[in-house]
């Protein structure tokens, strides 16, 4: 099995966007596995719409409160938008 490196990126599609006061809640779906990840603190200034393409970066972690990965959301210019532990 190939180890996932932090520099690896996985294409994903935006499923839903929830607008809060200063943040957006964004759910994305990975293209191949159809796995979904929710990011709750994406800047409200960034233009994100359902159907848009973004990228996931995954970094394996030692278990932190039953979490095993840090998943980061990136745009096409490799700018980090938010991260979450899963």
N, C-alpha and C. Protein backbone atom coordinates (compact mmCIF):
# COMPACT_ATOMS: atom_id res chain seq x y z
N UNK A 1 0.84 -1.18 0.00
CA UNK A 1 0.00 0.00 0.00
C UNK A 1 0.88 1.24 0.00
N UNK A 2 0.54 2.21 -0.79
CA UNK A 2 1.30 3.45 -0.87
C UNK A 2 0.89 4.37 0.26
N UNK A 3 1.89 4.94 0.93
CA UNK A 3 1.61 5.87 2.02
C UNK A 3 1.13 7.21 1.46
N UNK A 4 0.13 7.77 2.10
CA UNK A 4 -0.37 9.08 1.70
C UNK A 4 0.54 10.14 2.28
N UNK A 5 1.02 11.05 1.43
CA UNK A 5 1.88 12.13 1.88
C UNK A 5 1.09 13.42 1.93
N UNK A 6 1.52 14.37 2.78
CA UNK A 6 0.81 15.63 2.92
C UNK A 6 0.75 16.40 1.61
N UNK A 7 1.72 16.20 0.73
CA UNK A 7 1.73 16.94 -0.54
C UNK A 7 0.77 16.33 -1.57
N UNK A 8 0.27 15.12 -1.31
CA UNK A 8 -0.71 14.52 -2.21
C UNK A 8 -2.00 15.32 -2.18
N UNK A 9 -2.64 15.45 -3.32
CA UNK A 9 -3.90 16.19 -3.39
C UNK A 9 -4.92 15.29 -4.09
N UNK A 10 -6.16 15.34 -3.61
CA UNK A 10 -7.24 14.55 -4.17
C UNK A 10 -8.34 15.49 -4.62
N UNK A 11 -8.76 15.35 -5.87
CA UNK A 11 -9.79 16.23 -6.41
C UNK A 11 -11.13 15.95 -5.75
N UNK A 12 -11.86 17.01 -5.44
CA UNK A 12 -13.18 16.86 -4.84
C UNK A 12 -14.13 17.89 -5.42
N UNK A 13 -15.42 17.63 -5.24
CA UNK A 13 -16.47 18.50 -5.75
C UNK A 13 -17.27 19.03 -4.57
N UNK A 14 -17.60 20.31 -4.61
CA UNK A 14 -18.39 20.92 -3.55
C UNK A 14 -19.83 20.40 -3.66
N UNK A 15 -20.34 19.88 -2.54
CA UNK A 15 -21.70 19.35 -2.48
C UNK A 15 -22.67 20.40 -1.96
N UNK A 16 -22.28 21.09 -0.87
CA UNK A 16 -23.16 22.11 -0.30
C UNK A 16 -22.35 23.20 0.37
N UNK A 17 -22.96 24.38 0.45
CA UNK A 17 -22.34 25.54 1.09
C UNK A 17 -23.38 26.17 2.01
N UNK A 18 -23.01 26.37 3.28
CA UNK A 18 -23.88 27.02 4.24
C UNK A 18 -23.21 28.34 4.63
N UNK A 19 -23.89 29.45 4.40
CA UNK A 19 -23.34 30.78 4.70
C UNK A 19 -23.68 31.16 6.14
N UNK A 20 -22.65 31.40 6.96
CA UNK A 20 -22.84 31.94 8.31
C UNK A 20 -22.45 33.41 8.27
N UNK A 21 -22.28 34.04 9.40
CA UNK A 21 -21.93 35.45 9.42
C UNK A 21 -20.56 35.73 8.77
N UNK A 22 -19.51 35.12 9.29
CA UNK A 22 -18.17 35.37 8.76
C UNK A 22 -17.58 34.16 8.05
N UNK A 23 -18.22 33.00 8.18
CA UNK A 23 -17.67 31.76 7.65
C UNK A 23 -18.67 31.06 6.76
N UNK A 24 -18.15 30.10 6.01
CA UNK A 24 -19.01 29.20 5.23
C UNK A 24 -18.75 27.79 5.73
N UNK A 25 -19.80 27.00 5.79
CA UNK A 25 -19.68 25.57 6.02
C UNK A 25 -19.73 24.89 4.67
N UNK A 26 -18.70 24.13 4.34
CA UNK A 26 -18.60 23.54 3.00
C UNK A 26 -18.45 22.03 3.12
N UNK A 27 -19.31 21.30 2.42
CA UNK A 27 -19.20 19.85 2.33
C UNK A 27 -18.67 19.52 0.94
N UNK A 28 -17.62 18.70 0.90
CA UNK A 28 -17.04 18.29 -0.37
C UNK A 28 -17.07 16.76 -0.46
N UNK A 29 -17.06 16.27 -1.70
CA UNK A 29 -17.05 14.83 -1.95
C UNK A 29 -15.84 14.49 -2.81
N UNK A 30 -15.03 13.54 -2.35
CA UNK A 30 -13.85 13.10 -3.10
C UNK A 30 -14.31 12.38 -4.36
N UNK A 31 -13.64 12.68 -5.45
CA UNK A 31 -14.06 12.25 -6.78
C UNK A 31 -14.14 10.72 -6.92
N UNK A 32 -13.13 9.99 -6.47
CA UNK A 32 -13.07 8.54 -6.71
C UNK A 32 -13.82 7.72 -5.67
N UNK A 33 -13.63 8.03 -4.39
CA UNK A 33 -14.22 7.21 -3.32
C UNK A 33 -15.62 7.65 -2.93
N UNK A 34 -16.01 8.87 -3.32
CA UNK A 34 -17.30 9.46 -2.94
C UNK A 34 -17.38 9.73 -1.44
N UNK A 35 -16.23 9.71 -0.74
CA UNK A 35 -16.19 10.06 0.67
C UNK A 35 -16.41 11.55 0.84
N UNK A 36 -17.12 11.93 1.89
CA UNK A 36 -17.44 13.34 2.12
C UNK A 36 -16.76 13.87 3.38
N UNK A 37 -16.39 15.15 3.31
CA UNK A 37 -15.77 15.84 4.44
C UNK A 37 -16.44 17.20 4.57
N UNK A 38 -16.71 17.60 5.83
CA UNK A 38 -17.31 18.90 6.11
C UNK A 38 -16.25 19.82 6.69
N UNK A 39 -16.15 21.03 6.15
CA UNK A 39 -15.26 22.08 6.66
C UNK A 39 -16.14 23.20 7.17
N UNK A 40 -16.02 23.54 8.46
CA UNK A 40 -16.92 24.49 9.07
C UNK A 40 -16.45 25.92 9.14
N UNK A 41 -15.19 26.19 8.77
CA UNK A 41 -14.68 27.56 8.91
C UNK A 41 -13.94 28.02 7.66
N UNK A 42 -14.59 27.96 6.53
CA UNK A 42 -14.02 28.49 5.29
C UNK A 42 -14.38 29.97 5.24
N UNK A 43 -13.44 30.81 4.89
CA UNK A 43 -13.67 32.26 4.85
C UNK A 43 -14.89 32.60 4.01
N UNK A 44 -15.74 33.48 4.54
CA UNK A 44 -16.94 33.92 3.83
C UNK A 44 -16.63 34.76 2.61
N UNK A 45 -15.40 35.24 2.49
CA UNK A 45 -15.01 36.08 1.35
C UNK A 45 -14.67 35.26 0.10
N UNK A 46 -14.46 33.97 0.27
CA UNK A 46 -14.08 33.11 -0.85
C UNK A 46 -15.33 32.67 -1.60
N UNK A 47 -15.30 32.78 -2.92
CA UNK A 47 -16.42 32.38 -3.76
C UNK A 47 -16.40 30.86 -3.91
N UNK A 48 -17.39 30.20 -3.33
CA UNK A 48 -17.52 28.74 -3.41
C UNK A 48 -18.98 28.42 -3.69
N UNK A 49 -19.20 27.58 -4.69
CA UNK A 49 -20.54 27.19 -5.08
C UNK A 49 -20.63 25.68 -5.25
N UNK A 50 -21.79 25.07 -5.02
CA UNK A 50 -21.95 23.65 -5.30
C UNK A 50 -21.52 23.33 -6.73
N UNK A 51 -20.78 22.23 -6.86
CA UNK A 51 -20.27 21.82 -8.17
C UNK A 51 -18.85 22.28 -8.44
N UNK A 52 -18.33 23.25 -7.68
CA UNK A 52 -16.95 23.71 -7.87
C UNK A 52 -15.96 22.60 -7.53
N UNK A 53 -14.78 22.66 -8.13
CA UNK A 53 -13.73 21.69 -7.87
C UNK A 53 -12.69 22.29 -6.93
N UNK A 54 -12.36 21.55 -5.89
CA UNK A 54 -11.29 21.90 -4.95
C UNK A 54 -10.46 20.66 -4.72
N UNK A 55 -9.51 20.72 -3.81
CA UNK A 55 -8.59 19.61 -3.59
C UNK A 55 -8.43 19.33 -2.11
N UNK A 56 -8.29 18.05 -1.77
CA UNK A 56 -8.06 17.64 -0.39
C UNK A 56 -6.60 17.24 -0.22
N UNK A 57 -5.99 17.70 0.85
CA UNK A 57 -4.67 17.23 1.27
C UNK A 57 -4.86 16.46 2.55
N UNK A 58 -4.24 15.29 2.66
CA UNK A 58 -4.44 14.43 3.82
C UNK A 58 -3.11 14.14 4.48
N UNK A 59 -3.08 14.31 5.81
CA UNK A 59 -1.88 14.00 6.57
C UNK A 59 -2.25 13.03 7.68
N UNK A 60 -1.71 11.81 7.64
CA UNK A 60 -1.97 10.86 8.72
C UNK A 60 -1.42 11.39 10.05
N UNK A 61 -2.12 11.11 11.13
CA UNK A 61 -1.72 11.54 12.46
C UNK A 61 -1.69 10.32 13.38
N UNK A 62 -0.98 10.47 14.47
CA UNK A 62 -1.17 9.51 15.55
C UNK A 62 -2.51 9.85 16.15
N UNK A 63 -3.21 8.90 16.63
CA UNK A 63 -4.57 9.14 17.11
C UNK A 63 -4.63 10.25 18.15
N UNK A 64 -5.48 11.22 17.87
CA UNK A 64 -5.76 12.33 18.77
C UNK A 64 -7.26 12.29 19.02
N UNK A 65 -7.67 11.85 20.20
CA UNK A 65 -9.10 11.74 20.52
C UNK A 65 -9.85 11.00 19.42
N UNK A 66 -9.36 9.84 19.04
CA UNK A 66 -9.97 8.99 18.02
C UNK A 66 -9.91 9.57 16.61
N UNK A 67 -9.09 10.59 16.39
CA UNK A 67 -8.92 11.16 15.05
C UNK A 67 -7.61 10.60 14.48
N UNK A 68 -7.62 10.24 13.20
CA UNK A 68 -6.44 9.62 12.60
C UNK A 68 -5.85 10.40 11.43
N UNK A 69 -6.56 11.43 10.93
CA UNK A 69 -6.08 12.20 9.79
C UNK A 69 -6.41 13.67 9.94
N UNK A 70 -5.55 14.50 9.39
CA UNK A 70 -5.85 15.93 9.24
C UNK A 70 -6.12 16.13 7.75
N UNK A 71 -7.31 16.61 7.43
CA UNK A 71 -7.72 16.81 6.04
C UNK A 71 -7.82 18.31 5.79
N UNK A 72 -7.12 18.79 4.76
CA UNK A 72 -7.05 20.20 4.44
C UNK A 72 -7.70 20.45 3.08
N UNK A 73 -8.46 21.54 2.99
CA UNK A 73 -9.11 21.93 1.74
C UNK A 73 -8.27 22.99 1.06
N UNK A 74 -7.96 22.78 -0.23
CA UNK A 74 -7.15 23.70 -1.03
C UNK A 74 -7.91 24.11 -2.28
N UNK A 75 -7.60 25.32 -2.77
CA UNK A 75 -8.16 25.74 -4.06
C UNK A 75 -7.19 25.34 -5.17
N UNK A 76 -7.49 25.73 -6.41
CA UNK A 76 -6.68 25.36 -7.57
C UNK A 76 -5.27 25.96 -7.52
N UNK A 77 -5.10 27.07 -6.80
CA UNK A 77 -3.77 27.71 -6.68
C UNK A 77 -3.01 27.18 -5.46
N UNK A 78 -3.49 26.09 -4.87
CA UNK A 78 -2.87 25.44 -3.72
C UNK A 78 -2.92 26.31 -2.45
N UNK A 79 -3.91 27.18 -2.38
CA UNK A 79 -4.12 28.02 -1.19
C UNK A 79 -4.98 27.25 -0.18
N UNK A 80 -4.51 27.17 1.06
CA UNK A 80 -5.23 26.46 2.11
C UNK A 80 -6.45 27.26 2.54
N UNK A 81 -7.62 26.61 2.53
CA UNK A 81 -8.87 27.28 2.88
C UNK A 81 -9.35 26.91 4.28
N UNK A 82 -9.17 25.66 4.71
CA UNK A 82 -9.60 25.20 6.03
C UNK A 82 -9.06 23.80 6.24
N UNK A 83 -9.13 23.31 7.47
CA UNK A 83 -8.73 21.95 7.77
C UNK A 83 -9.62 21.40 8.87
N UNK A 84 -9.64 20.06 8.97
CA UNK A 84 -10.41 19.38 9.99
C UNK A 84 -9.72 18.07 10.34
N UNK A 85 -10.00 17.55 11.51
CA UNK A 85 -9.50 16.24 11.92
C UNK A 85 -10.60 15.22 11.69
N UNK A 86 -10.26 14.08 11.09
CA UNK A 86 -11.24 13.01 10.89
C UNK A 86 -10.69 11.70 11.40
